[in-house]
Each structure stands twice: as structure tokens, then as C-alpha cells.
């Protein structure tokens, strides 16, 4: 005797301005927490272990969320979840930490700020959306604002870090668009667990082959990894993927600009890094870009399909 899966109710789409605003604020918490990744990496993680950091961030959180979600992929969703997991978490995490270890002064944030532009371009062939001049203009403003925050003088740009930062931006942007295109067939906890587990399993053999077994961790390093796996990843990605599936593509992609703003603010508060007038102007410009992007034309309906039995 086989059990027949019952269809899940459709994911609720925000229909009022208040509900849309609350969903936007909840989604914004994800890039806000991601803005703390840089300081955690430099202050509390083992040195020169980007694949270890990426694996520890993705795999435990993915396994826990997948167990809580209690749903396995079916049919084509086995390979779709694997693709999204590698793009949104596995490859993205690895490239992010390579850039964080190699690029001084947070230059990787400038590369990440190009994500709204990439998402806007990819949304044309994959989602059938129009490429609006307003979106391109806001994307350029966002890059300019983040550049003012992190580029504060002559810095030595590591070419490997630059390539890693650009590739990570491309992975995350592609993952956002494909998530919109394919929708979300299960509740967000299971959906997030699939992707984090797939990304972690992709990273695990690479980390063991390239870096070997991890060294003995100090209490601070253990706490840093636990923070990345829980608040910075499990909670943040649940909020982020829920927003990606329900908010307009341009609206959610511009929220990523909050990450470098928070990174600069955390460096100022915790590390005593002084913000220059240009950095303060860049912070204001980046935040203004995020606000203006939220005032885009009325949201499109969610592409999240109703699962079938």
C-alpha cells in the first residue's frame, strides 16, 4: 500500500501594501545578517580556510532544516534542488569566503552590488520581464554607493579574489532568477533545507581534498561557525527564499545592497574603523537606492506553483 501525497495549499501572495511591506522587511533581515559575515570571517574563523567555513555554514543548517521540513524532493526537483543549492549556497559560499580572505577593504562588496543589474538582465529571457531603464539606473546608483563605502584609498586587488567575487555574484544572481522561474513546491523550511544540504554536500569533498581535516578549533572559532550556520544561514535563507518566491524580482534583488552597508557599519562599531564623509555619502546613496527600488511598480504575482499530488 502506498501513501498518496495530498496537494499543498498555494503559498500566500501579499495583496495589501501592509503585508507587502512586512514581507519586504522580513526579507531584508537576510542581507542585514549577511553583512556581518566579513567581520566574523576575519575575526573569529580559522585563517585561510574558505571551504571549511563554507561547508560548516551550509551543511549542518541544511540537514537540520531538511529534517524539520520532513519532505524530500520528487521527480525533477532532485536536480532542480541540486542546481539551486550549488548556485545559491554551495558555489556562492565558497566564492564568497575566497573573496573575503583575499580582498582587502571589503572590495568584494562592490562586486556583489552588481547583482541587481545581473538579475535584471537575466529576468528578460528567463522570466519574460522587461528591462526597465529605471532598474538599470538604480543598479548603477547602488554600485556607486557601495563603491564609496568600501573604496577608501589605494588597495592591492588580488586577481583571484576579484574573479571569485564576480563569480559569486553571478551564481547568486542566477539562483535568484531560477528560484523565481521554478517556484517553490514545498513549504519554505523544506525548500531551504534542500538547497543548503545540496550546497553543503557539494562543498564537503572539495573541502576535504583541498584543505584536509579542520584544525582544533578555539571557543571563539566554534562560536563563529555556529553563528554562521544558524542566524547567518539557516534563519537568513528561510527569510530570503520566502521573499524571493513572493516579491518582485527587482525589489528583492536590491535588498542585497543592505549587506555592504551593514558590513561598513559593523566595522565602524566593532572594529573602530572610522567612516569618512565619502563613506557616509555612499551609505546614504546605497540606502536611498534600496528605498527607491521598493517603490517600483506594483508587484507581479508569485510564480510559486501549487504542488500536485
C-alpha atoms as a PDB file:
ATOM      1  CA  UNK A   1       0.000   0.000   0.000  1.00  0.00           C
ATOM      2  CA  UNK A   2       1.410   3.367  -0.998  1.00  0.00           C
ATOM      3  CA  UNK A   3       0.619   6.717   0.532  1.00  0.00           C
ATOM      4  CA  UNK A   4      -0.831   9.387  -1.727  1.00  0.00           C
ATOM      5  CA  UNK A   5       0.571  12.852  -1.216  1.00  0.00           C
ATOM      6  CA  UNK A   6      -2.080  15.488  -0.769  1.00  0.00           C
ATOM      7  CA  UNK A   7      -1.698  18.784  -2.607  1.00  0.00           C
ATOM      8  CA  UNK A   8      -0.258  21.600  -0.552  1.00  0.00           C
ATOM      9  CA  UNK A   9      -2.133  24.879  -0.295  1.00  0.00           C
ATOM     10  CA  UNK A  10      -0.743  27.615  -2.526  1.00  0.00           C
ATOM     11  CA  UNK A  11       1.792  29.956  -0.990  1.00  0.00           C
ATOM     12  CA  UNK A  12       0.112  33.161   0.123  1.00  0.00           C
ATOM     13  CA  UNK A  13       0.886  36.167  -2.065  1.00  0.00           C
ATOM     14  CA  UNK A  14       0.915  39.560  -0.370  1.00  0.00           C
ATOM     15  CA  UNK A  15      -2.059  41.503  -1.690  1.00  0.00           C
ATOM     16  CA  UNK A  16      -2.079  44.571   0.541  1.00  0.00           C
ATOM     17  CA  UNK A  17       0.540  47.282   0.910  1.00  0.00           C
ATOM     18  CA  UNK A  18       0.965  46.485   4.612  1.00  0.00           C
ATOM     19  CA  UNK A  19       1.554  42.777   4.040  1.00  0.00           C
ATOM     20  CA  UNK A  20       3.954  43.564   1.212  1.00  0.00           C
ATOM     21  CA  UNK A  21       5.853  45.933   3.488  1.00  0.00           C
ATOM     22  CA  UNK A  22       6.112  43.359   6.275  1.00  0.00           C
ATOM     23  CA  UNK A  23       7.339  40.698   3.865  1.00  0.00           C
ATOM     24  CA  UNK A  24       9.917  43.123   2.470  1.00  0.00           C
ATOM     25  CA  UNK A  25      11.180  43.961   5.970  1.00  0.00           C
ATOM     26  CA  UNK A  26      11.439  40.274   6.875  1.00  0.00           C
ATOM     27  CA  UNK A  27      13.330  39.540   3.662  1.00  0.00           C
ATOM     28  CA  UNK A  28      15.663  42.489   4.332  1.00  0.00           C
ATOM     29  CA  UNK A  29      16.813  40.814   7.555  1.00  0.00           C
ATOM     30  CA  UNK A  30      18.707  38.263   5.442  1.00  0.00           C
ATOM     31  CA  UNK A  31      21.181  40.683   3.798  1.00  0.00           C
ATOM     32  CA  UNK A  32      21.420  42.543   7.110  1.00  0.00           C
ATOM     33  CA  UNK A  33      22.748  39.395   8.796  1.00  0.00           C
ATOM     34  CA  UNK A  34      24.942  38.607   5.773  1.00  0.00           C
ATOM     35  CA  UNK A  35      26.605  41.965   6.300  1.00  0.00           C
ATOM     36  CA  UNK A  36      28.199  40.524   9.446  1.00  0.00           C
ATOM     37  CA  UNK A  37      29.890  37.701   7.510  1.00  0.00           C
ATOM     38  CA  UNK A  38      33.037  39.679   6.757  1.00  0.00           C
ATOM     39  CA  UNK A  39      33.837  40.642  10.338  1.00  0.00           C
ATOM     40  CA  UNK A  40      33.073  37.108  11.574  1.00  0.00           C
ATOM     41  CA  UNK A  41      35.380  35.685   8.886  1.00  0.00           C
ATOM     42  CA  UNK A  42      38.299  37.952   9.693  1.00  0.00           C
ATOM     43  CA  UNK A  43      37.948  37.962  13.492  1.00  0.00           C
ATOM     44  CA  UNK A  44      36.581  34.570  14.562  1.00  0.00           C
ATOM     45  CA  UNK A  45      37.190  31.929  11.875  1.00  0.00           C
ATOM     46  CA  UNK A  46      40.315  29.805  11.234  1.00  0.00           C
ATOM     47  CA  UNK A  47      42.702  31.575   8.869  1.00  0.00           C
ATOM     48  CA  UNK A  48      42.785  30.611   5.177  1.00  0.00           C
ATOM     49  CA  UNK A  49      40.017  28.019   5.380  1.00  0.00           C
ATOM     50  CA  UNK A  50      37.340  29.308   2.951  1.00  0.00           C
ATOM     51  CA  UNK A  51      35.979  25.867   2.035  1.00  0.00           C
ATOM     52  CA  UNK A  52      35.780  24.809   5.682  1.00  0.00           C
ATOM     53  CA  UNK A  53      33.858  27.984   6.504  1.00  0.00           C
ATOM     54  CA  UNK A  54      31.526  27.493   3.539  1.00  0.00           C
ATOM     55  CA  UNK A  55      30.847  23.823   4.352  1.00  0.00           C
ATOM     56  CA  UNK A  56      30.278  24.464   8.056  1.00  0.00           C
ATOM     57  CA  UNK A  57      27.892  27.261   7.148  1.00  0.00           C
ATOM     58  CA  UNK A  58      25.764  25.233   4.712  1.00  0.00           C
ATOM     59  CA  UNK A  59      25.713  21.527   5.585  1.00  0.00           C
ATOM     60  CA  UNK A  60      24.607  21.464   9.269  1.00  0.00           C
ATOM     61  CA  UNK A  61      21.894  24.061   8.676  1.00  0.00           C
ATOM     62  CA  UNK A  62      20.673  22.225   5.583  1.00  0.00           C
ATOM     63  CA  UNK A  63      20.421  18.850   7.295  1.00  0.00           C
ATOM     64  CA  UNK A  64      18.543  20.311  10.262  1.00  0.00           C
ATOM     65  CA  UNK A  65      16.057  22.240   8.099  1.00  0.00           C
ATOM     66  CA  UNK A  66      15.524  19.258   5.805  1.00  0.00           C
ATOM     67  CA  UNK A  67      14.786  17.073   8.828  1.00  0.00           C
ATOM     68  CA  UNK A  68      12.372  19.638  10.253  1.00  0.00           C
ATOM     69  CA  UNK A  69      10.692  20.099   6.882  1.00  0.00           C
ATOM     70  CA  UNK A  70      10.193  16.314   6.544  1.00  0.00           C
ATOM     71  CA  UNK A  71       9.843  16.409   2.766  1.00  0.00           C
ATOM     72  CA  UNK A  72      12.129  15.016   0.097  1.00  0.00           C
ATOM     73  CA  UNK A  73      12.315  16.278  -3.485  1.00  0.00           C
ATOM     74  CA  UNK A  74      10.291  14.420  -6.109  1.00  0.00           C
ATOM     75  CA  UNK A  75      10.875  13.922  -9.799  1.00  0.00           C
ATOM     76  CA  UNK A  76      12.634  16.825 -11.489  1.00  0.00           C
ATOM     77  CA  UNK A  77      13.055  18.583  -8.168  1.00  0.00           C
ATOM     78  CA  UNK A  78      16.007  16.345  -7.309  1.00  0.00           C
ATOM     79  CA  UNK A  79      18.147  18.012  -9.960  1.00  0.00           C
ATOM     80  CA  UNK A  80      16.483  21.417  -9.592  1.00  0.00           C
ATOM     81  CA  UNK A  81      17.205  21.468  -5.858  1.00  0.00           C
ATOM     82  CA  UNK A  82      20.795  20.445  -6.572  1.00  0.00           C
ATOM     83  CA  UNK A  83      21.234  23.233  -9.124  1.00  0.00           C
ATOM     84  CA  UNK A  84      19.714  25.855  -6.814  1.00  0.00           C
ATOM     85  CA  UNK A  85      21.736  24.530  -3.882  1.00  0.00           C
ATOM     86  CA  UNK A  86      25.026  24.888  -5.750  1.00  0.00           C
ATOM     87  CA  UNK A  87      24.173  28.348  -7.110  1.00  0.00           C
ATOM     88  CA  UNK A  88      22.567  29.898  -4.005  1.00  0.00           C
ATOM     89  CA  UNK A  89      24.722  28.274  -1.333  1.00  0.00           C
ATOM     90  CA  UNK A  90      27.482  25.826  -2.316  1.00  0.00           C
ATOM     91  CA  UNK A  91      29.428  27.688  -5.009  1.00  0.00           C
ATOM     92  CA  UNK A  92      28.307  31.072  -3.705  1.00  0.00           C
ATOM     93  CA  UNK A  93      29.550  30.408  -0.159  1.00  0.00           C
ATOM     94  CA  UNK A  94      32.915  29.074  -1.363  1.00  0.00           C
ATOM     95  CA  UNK A  95      33.497  32.018  -3.697  1.00  0.00           C
ATOM     96  CA  UNK A  96      32.315  34.488  -1.052  1.00  0.00           C
ATOM     97  CA  UNK A  97      34.840  33.264   1.513  1.00  0.00           C
ATOM     98  CA  UNK A  98      37.666  33.147  -1.052  1.00  0.00           C
ATOM     99  CA  UNK A  99      36.934  36.791  -1.859  1.00  0.00           C
ATOM    100  CA  UNK A 100      36.621  37.708   1.838  1.00  0.00           C
ATOM    101  CA  UNK A 101      40.025  36.178   2.634  1.00  0.00           C
ATOM    102  CA  UNK A 102      41.794  37.717  -0.386  1.00  0.00           C
ATOM    103  CA  UNK A 103      40.265  41.164  -0.968  1.00  0.00           C
ATOM    104  CA  UNK A 104      41.307  43.914   1.466  1.00  0.00           C
ATOM    105  CA  UNK A 105      38.955  46.661   2.463  1.00  0.00           C
ATOM    106  CA  UNK A 106      35.744  44.865   1.573  1.00  0.00           C
ATOM    107  CA  UNK A 107      36.203  45.309  -2.201  1.00  0.00           C
ATOM    108  CA  UNK A 108      34.055  42.199  -2.686  1.00  0.00           C
ATOM    109  CA  UNK A 109      31.056  44.282  -1.655  1.00  0.00           C
ATOM    110  CA  UNK A 110      31.387  46.368  -4.817  1.00  0.00           C
ATOM    111  CA  UNK A 111      31.269  43.214  -6.924  1.00  0.00           C
ATOM    112  CA  UNK A 112      28.233  41.962  -5.014  1.00  0.00           C
ATOM    113  CA  UNK A 113      26.459  45.254  -5.599  1.00  0.00           C
ATOM    114  CA  UNK A 114      26.286  44.404  -9.310  1.00  0.00           C
ATOM    115  CA  UNK A 115      23.783  41.620  -8.558  1.00  0.00           C
ATOM    116  CA  UNK A 116      20.637  43.734  -9.203  1.00  0.00           C
ATOM    117  CA  UNK A 117      21.964  44.566 -12.675  1.00  0.00           C
ATOM    118  CA  UNK A 118      22.656  40.903 -13.410  1.00  0.00           C
ATOM    119  CA  UNK A 119      19.242  39.845 -12.123  1.00  0.00           C
ATOM    120  CA  UNK A 120      17.533  42.493 -14.262  1.00  0.00           C
ATOM    121  CA  UNK A 121      19.302  41.228 -17.399  1.00  0.00           C
ATOM    122  CA  UNK A 122      18.667  37.523 -16.693  1.00  0.00           C
ATOM    123  CA  UNK A 123      14.998  38.184 -15.915  1.00  0.00           C
ATOM    124  CA  UNK A 124      14.412  39.193 -19.545  1.00  0.00           C
ATOM    125  CA  UNK A 125      14.988  35.750 -21.168  1.00  0.00           C
ATOM    126  CA  UNK A 126      14.174  33.572 -18.141  1.00  0.00           C
ATOM    127  CA  UNK A 127      11.156  35.353 -16.642  1.00  0.00           C
ATOM    128  CA  UNK A 128       9.892  37.330 -19.608  1.00  0.00           C
ATOM    129  CA  UNK A 129      10.247  40.633 -17.737  1.00  0.00           C
ATOM    130  CA  UNK A 130      11.059  43.925 -19.432  1.00  0.00           C
ATOM    131  CA  UNK A 131      14.438  45.542 -18.911  1.00  0.00           C
ATOM    132  CA  UNK A 132      13.493  48.894 -17.428  1.00  0.00           C
ATOM    133  CA  UNK A 133      15.733  51.924 -17.612  1.00  0.00           C
ATOM    134  CA  UNK A 134      14.753  52.764 -14.060  1.00  0.00           C
ATOM    135  CA  UNK A 135      16.090  49.426 -12.817  1.00  0.00           C
ATOM    136  CA  UNK A 136      19.380  49.879 -14.652  1.00  0.00           C
ATOM    137  CA  UNK A 137      19.727  53.411 -13.283  1.00  0.00           C
ATOM    138  CA  UNK A 138      19.082  52.294  -9.717  1.00  0.00           C
ATOM    139  CA  UNK A 139      21.519  49.427 -10.168  1.00  0.00           C
ATOM    140  CA  UNK A 140      24.281  51.821 -11.213  1.00  0.00           C
ATOM    141  CA  UNK A 141      23.456  54.107  -8.271  1.00  0.00           C
ATOM    142  CA  UNK A 142      23.715  51.139  -5.918  1.00  0.00           C
ATOM    143  CA  UNK A 143      27.138  50.178  -7.283  1.00  0.00           C
ATOM    144  CA  UNK A 144      28.287  53.785  -6.923  1.00  0.00           C
ATOM    145  CA  UNK A 145      27.047  53.989  -3.331  1.00  0.00           C
ATOM    146  CA  UNK A 146      28.739  50.747  -2.291  1.00  0.00           C
ATOM    147  CA  UNK A 147      31.933  51.792  -4.090  1.00  0.00           C
ATOM    148  CA  UNK A 148      32.055  54.963  -1.997  1.00  0.00           C
ATOM    149  CA  UNK A 149      31.689  52.850   1.150  1.00  0.00           C
ATOM    150  CA  UNK A 150      34.467  50.343   0.545  1.00  0.00           C
ATOM    151  CA  UNK A 151      36.963  52.001  -1.799  1.00  0.00           C
ATOM    152  CA  UNK A 152      38.761  54.376   0.566  1.00  0.00           C
ATOM    153  CA  UNK A 153      42.197  54.637  -0.990  1.00  0.00           C
ATOM    154  CA  UNK A 154      44.891  52.726  -2.852  1.00  0.00           C
ATOM    155  CA  UNK A 155      44.413  48.995  -2.337  1.00  0.00           C
ATOM    156  CA  UNK A 156      46.102  45.941  -3.841  1.00  0.00           C
ATOM    157  CA  UNK A 157      43.473  43.982  -5.722  1.00  0.00           C
ATOM    158  CA  UNK A 158      44.080  40.246  -5.687  1.00  0.00           C
ATOM    159  CA  UNK A 159      43.020  38.856  -9.109  1.00  0.00           C
ATOM    160  CA  UNK A 160      41.842  35.563  -7.626  1.00  0.00           C
ATOM    161  CA  UNK A 161      39.678  37.457  -5.163  1.00  0.00           C
ATOM    162  CA  UNK A 162      38.228  39.632  -7.932  1.00  0.00           C
ATOM    163  CA  UNK A 163      37.339  36.592 -10.068  1.00  0.00           C
ATOM    164  CA  UNK A 164      35.848  34.836  -7.028  1.00  0.00           C
ATOM    165  CA  UNK A 165      33.749  37.880  -6.123  1.00  0.00           C
ATOM    166  CA  UNK A 166      32.398  38.267  -9.661  1.00  0.00           C
ATOM    167  CA  UNK A 167      31.685  34.550  -9.978  1.00  0.00           C
ATOM    168  CA  UNK A 168      29.902  34.513  -6.617  1.00  0.00           C
ATOM    169  CA  UNK A 169      27.736  37.437  -7.674  1.00  0.00           C
ATOM    170  CA  UNK A 170      26.879  35.618 -10.915  1.00  0.00           C
ATOM    171  CA  UNK A 171      25.963  32.426  -9.018  1.00  0.00           C
ATOM    172  CA  UNK A 172      23.669  34.183  -6.538  1.00  0.00           C
ATOM    173  CA  UNK A 173      22.015  36.313  -9.218  1.00  0.00           C
ATOM    174  CA  UNK A 174      21.335  33.287 -11.409  1.00  0.00           C
ATOM    175  CA  UNK A 175      19.986  31.399  -8.407  1.00  0.00           C
ATOM    176  CA  UNK A 176      17.547  34.229  -7.612  1.00  0.00           C
ATOM    177  CA  UNK A 177      16.166  34.229 -11.152  1.00  0.00           C
ATOM    178  CA  UNK A 178      15.882  30.426 -11.374  1.00  0.00           C
ATOM    179  CA  UNK A 179      14.150  30.334  -7.990  1.00  0.00           C
ATOM    180  CA  UNK A 180      11.567  32.749  -9.391  1.00  0.00           C
ATOM    181  CA  UNK A 181      11.208  30.731 -12.581  1.00  0.00           C
ATOM    182  CA  UNK A 182      10.834  27.313 -10.975  1.00  0.00           C
ATOM    183  CA  UNK A 183       8.827  28.410  -7.942  1.00  0.00           C
ATOM    184  CA  UNK A 184       8.692  26.670  -4.576  1.00  0.00           C
ATOM    185  CA  UNK A 185       6.874  23.291  -4.491  1.00  0.00           C
ATOM    186  CA  UNK A 186       7.025  22.749  -0.714  1.00  0.00           C
ATOM    187  CA  UNK A 187       6.975  24.881   2.465  1.00  0.00           C
ATOM    188  CA  UNK A 188       9.927  27.213   2.853  1.00  0.00           C
ATOM    189  CA  UNK A 189      11.698  25.227   5.613  1.00  0.00           C
ATOM    190  CA  UNK A 190      11.995  22.107   3.463  1.00  0.00           C
ATOM    191  CA  UNK A 191      12.857  24.147   0.378  1.00  0.00           C
ATOM    192  CA  UNK A 192      15.661  25.936   2.217  1.00  0.00           C
ATOM    193  CA  UNK A 193      16.896  22.664   3.684  1.00  0.00           C
ATOM    194  CA  UNK A 194      17.133  21.077   0.239  1.00  0.00           C
ATOM    195  CA  UNK A 195      19.319  23.857  -1.078  1.00  0.00           C
ATOM    196  CA  UNK A 196      21.614  24.182   1.936  1.00  0.00           C
ATOM    197  CA  UNK A 197      22.078  20.409   2.168  1.00  0.00           C
ATOM    198  CA  UNK A 198      22.821  20.165  -1.560  1.00  0.00           C
ATOM    199  CA  UNK A 199      25.291  23.018  -1.324  1.00  0.00           C
ATOM    200  CA  UNK A 200      26.973  21.510   1.738  1.00  0.00           C
ATOM    201  CA  UNK A 201      27.276  18.066   0.141  1.00  0.00           C
ATOM    202  CA  UNK A 202      28.790  19.712  -2.938  1.00  0.00           C
ATOM    203  CA  UNK A 203      31.350  21.501  -0.745  1.00  0.00           C
ATOM    204  CA  UNK A 204      32.293  18.669   1.639  1.00  0.00           C
ATOM    205  CA  UNK A 205      34.545  16.605  -0.684  1.00  0.00           C
ATOM    206  CA  UNK A 206      36.124  19.780  -2.071  1.00  0.00           C
ATOM    207  CA  UNK A 207      36.947  21.000   1.438  1.00  0.00           C
ATOM    208  CA  UNK A 208      38.471  17.650   2.461  1.00  0.00           C
ATOM    209  CA  UNK A 209      40.502  17.385  -0.743  1.00  0.00           C
ATOM    210  CA  UNK A 210      41.776  20.962  -0.802  1.00  0.00           C
ATOM    211  CA  UNK A 211      42.124  21.809   2.892  1.00  0.00           C
ATOM    212  CA  UNK A 212      42.104  18.480   4.722  1.00  0.00           C
ATOM    213  CA  UNK A 213      40.610  17.898   8.126  1.00  0.00           C
ATOM    214  CA  UNK A 214      39.926  21.058  10.128  1.00  0.00           C
ATOM    215  CA  UNK A 215      42.333  22.027  12.906  1.00  0.00           C
ATOM    216  CA  UNK A 216      41.396  22.070  16.560  1.00  0.00           C
ATOM    217  CA  UNK A 217      39.015  24.978  16.933  1.00  0.00           C
ATOM    218  CA  UNK A 218      39.126  27.551  19.684  1.00  0.00           C
ATOM    219  CA  UNK A 219      35.988  28.568  21.555  1.00  0.00           C
ATOM    220  CA  UNK A 220      35.774  31.773  19.521  1.00  0.00           C
ATOM    221  CA  UNK A 221      36.123  29.938  16.205  1.00  0.00           C
ATOM    222  CA  UNK A 222      33.468  27.421  17.230  1.00  0.00           C
ATOM    223  CA  UNK A 223      31.121  30.254  18.179  1.00  0.00           C
ATOM    224  CA  UNK A 224      31.786  31.986  14.866  1.00  0.00           C
ATOM    225  CA  UNK A 225      30.939  28.857  12.883  1.00  0.00           C
ATOM    226  CA  UNK A 226      27.799  28.254  14.950  1.00  0.00           C
ATOM    227  CA  UNK A 227      26.635  31.810  14.309  1.00  0.00           C
ATOM    228  CA  UNK A 228      27.204  31.429  10.571  1.00  0.00           C
ATOM    229  CA  UNK A 229      25.299  28.138  10.451  1.00  0.00           C
ATOM    230  CA  UNK A 230      22.292  29.335  12.473  1.00  0.00           C
ATOM    231  CA  UNK A 231      21.457  33.051  12.329  1.00  0.00           C
ATOM    232  CA  UNK A 232      23.590  33.923   9.298  1.00  0.00           C
ATOM    233  CA  UNK A 233      22.441  30.955   7.191  1.00  0.00           C
ATOM    234  CA  UNK A 234      19.500  28.869   8.424  1.00  0.00           C
ATOM    235  CA  UNK A 235      17.338  31.776   9.572  1.00  0.00           C
ATOM    236  CA  UNK A 236      18.532  34.221   6.913  1.00  0.00           C
ATOM    237  CA  UNK A 237      17.961  31.844   3.999  1.00  0.00           C
ATOM    238  CA  UNK A 238      14.471  30.897   5.160  1.00  0.00           C
ATOM    239  CA  UNK A 239      13.562  34.594   5.128  1.00  0.00           C
ATOM    240  CA  UNK A 240      15.388  35.242   1.856  1.00  0.00           C
ATOM    241  CA  UNK A 241      13.902  32.351  -0.156  1.00  0.00           C
ATOM    242  CA  UNK A 242      10.416  33.173   1.096  1.00  0.00           C
ATOM    243  CA  UNK A 243      10.883  36.717  -0.180  1.00  0.00           C
ATOM    244  CA  UNK A 244      12.408  35.610  -3.485  1.00  0.00           C
ATOM    245  CA  UNK A 245       9.342  33.462  -4.155  1.00  0.00           C
ATOM    246  CA  UNK A 246       6.823  36.210  -3.400  1.00  0.00           C
ATOM    247  CA  UNK A 247       8.336  39.646  -4.018  1.00  0.00           C
ATOM    248  CA  UNK A 248       9.001  41.249  -7.408  1.00  0.00           C
ATOM    249  CA  UNK A 249      12.408  40.295  -8.757  1.00  0.00           C
ATOM    250  CA  UNK A 250      13.843  43.832  -8.832  1.00  0.00           C
ATOM    251  CA  UNK A 251      12.546  44.622  -5.346  1.00  0.00           C
ATOM    252  CA  UNK A 252      14.205  41.639  -3.695  1.00  0.00           C
ATOM    253  CA  UNK A 253      17.491  41.883  -5.621  1.00  0.00           C
ATOM    254  CA  UNK A 254      18.097  45.476  -4.486  1.00  0.00           C
ATOM    255  CA  UNK A 255      17.737  44.414  -0.845  1.00  0.00           C
ATOM    256  CA  UNK A 256      21.162  42.811  -1.214  1.00  0.00           C
ATOM    257  CA  UNK A 257      22.699  46.292  -1.120  1.00  0.00           C
ATOM    258  CA  UNK A 258      21.993  46.317   2.611  1.00  0.00           C
ATOM    259  CA  UNK A 259      24.768  43.769   3.137  1.00  0.00           C
ATOM    260  CA  UNK A 260      27.778  46.039   2.407  1.00  0.00           C
ATOM    261  CA  UNK A 261      26.109  48.902   4.274  1.00  0.00           C
ATOM    262  CA  UNK A 262      25.839  46.711   7.365  1.00  0.00           C
ATOM    263  CA  UNK A 263      29.406  45.435   6.823  1.00  0.00           C
ATOM    264  CA  UNK A 264      30.734  49.002   6.895  1.00  0.00           C
ATOM    265  CA  UNK A 265      28.628  49.878   9.942  1.00  0.00           C
ATOM    266  CA  UNK A 266      29.745  46.771  11.862  1.00  0.00           C
ATOM    267  CA  UNK A 267      33.376  47.565  11.066  1.00  0.00           C
ATOM    268  CA  UNK A 268      32.861  51.081  12.407  1.00  0.00           C
ATOM    269  CA  UNK A 269      31.102  49.961  15.610  1.00  0.00           C
ATOM    270  CA  UNK A 270      33.034  46.789  16.499  1.00  0.00           C
ATOM    271  CA  UNK A 271      36.451  47.342  14.939  1.00  0.00           C
ATOM    272  CA  UNK A 272      36.746  51.094  15.371  1.00  0.00           C
ATOM    273  CA  UNK A 273      37.005  51.742  11.643  1.00  0.00           C
ATOM    274  CA  UNK A 274      36.361  55.430  11.028  1.00  0.00           C
ATOM    275  CA  UNK A 275      33.860  56.279   8.295  1.00  0.00           C
ATOM    276  CA  UNK A 276      34.950  59.139   6.063  1.00  0.00           C
ATOM    277  CA  UNK A 277      32.495  61.702   4.659  1.00  0.00           C
ATOM    278  CA  UNK A 278      32.607  59.845   1.316  1.00  0.00           C
ATOM    279  CA  UNK A 279      31.726  56.578   3.061  1.00  0.00           C
ATOM    280  CA  UNK A 280      28.826  58.234   4.838  1.00  0.00           C
ATOM    281  CA  UNK A 281      27.642  59.630   1.495  1.00  0.00           C
ATOM    282  CA  UNK A 282      27.946  56.164  -0.054  1.00  0.00           C
ATOM    283  CA  UNK A 283      25.929  54.663   2.789  1.00  0.00           C
ATOM    284  CA  UNK A 284      23.177  57.223   2.269  1.00  0.00           C
ATOM    285  CA  UNK A 285      23.200  56.619  -1.505  1.00  0.00           C
ATOM    286  CA  UNK A 286      23.017  52.822  -1.147  1.00  0.00           C
ATOM    287  CA  UNK A 287      20.162  53.054   1.369  1.00  0.00           C
ATOM    288  CA  UNK A 288      18.324  55.526  -0.874  1.00  0.00           C
ATOM    289  CA  UNK A 289      18.680  53.086  -3.775  1.00  0.00           C
ATOM    290  CA  UNK A 290      17.125  50.300  -1.711  1.00  0.00           C
ATOM    291  CA  UNK A 291      14.217  52.551  -0.698  1.00  0.00           C
ATOM    292  CA  UNK A 292      13.612  53.744  -4.265  1.00  0.00           C
ATOM    293  CA  UNK A 293      13.680  50.157  -5.550  1.00  0.00           C
ATOM    294  CA  UNK A 294      10.903  49.268  -3.096  1.00  0.00           C
ATOM    295  CA  UNK A 295       8.765  51.960  -4.724  1.00  0.00           C
ATOM    296  CA  UNK A 296       8.865  50.166  -8.053  1.00  0.00           C
ATOM    297  CA  UNK A 297       5.656  49.433  -9.994  1.00  0.00           C
ATOM    298  CA  UNK A 298       3.088  47.136  -8.397  1.00  0.00           C
ATOM    299  CA  UNK A 299       4.358  43.629  -7.675  1.00  0.00           C
ATOM    300  CA  UNK A 300       3.835  40.771 -10.053  1.00  0.00           C
ATOM    301  CA  UNK A 301       2.065  37.669  -8.776  1.00  0.00           C
ATOM    302  CA  UNK A 302       4.187  34.988  -7.225  1.00  0.00           C
ATOM    303  CA  UNK A 303       5.411  32.315  -9.612  1.00  0.00           C
ATOM    304  CA  UNK A 304       5.262  29.718  -6.850  1.00  0.00           C
ATOM    305  CA  UNK A 305       3.124  26.900  -8.222  1.00  0.00           C
ATOM    306  CA  UNK A 306       0.574  24.897  -6.305  1.00  0.00           C
ATOM    307  CA  UNK A 307       2.031  21.378  -5.898  1.00  0.00           C
ATOM    308  CA  UNK A 308       0.122  18.488  -7.415  1.00  0.00           C
ATOM    309  CA  UNK A 309      -0.404  15.080  -5.802  1.00  0.00           C
END
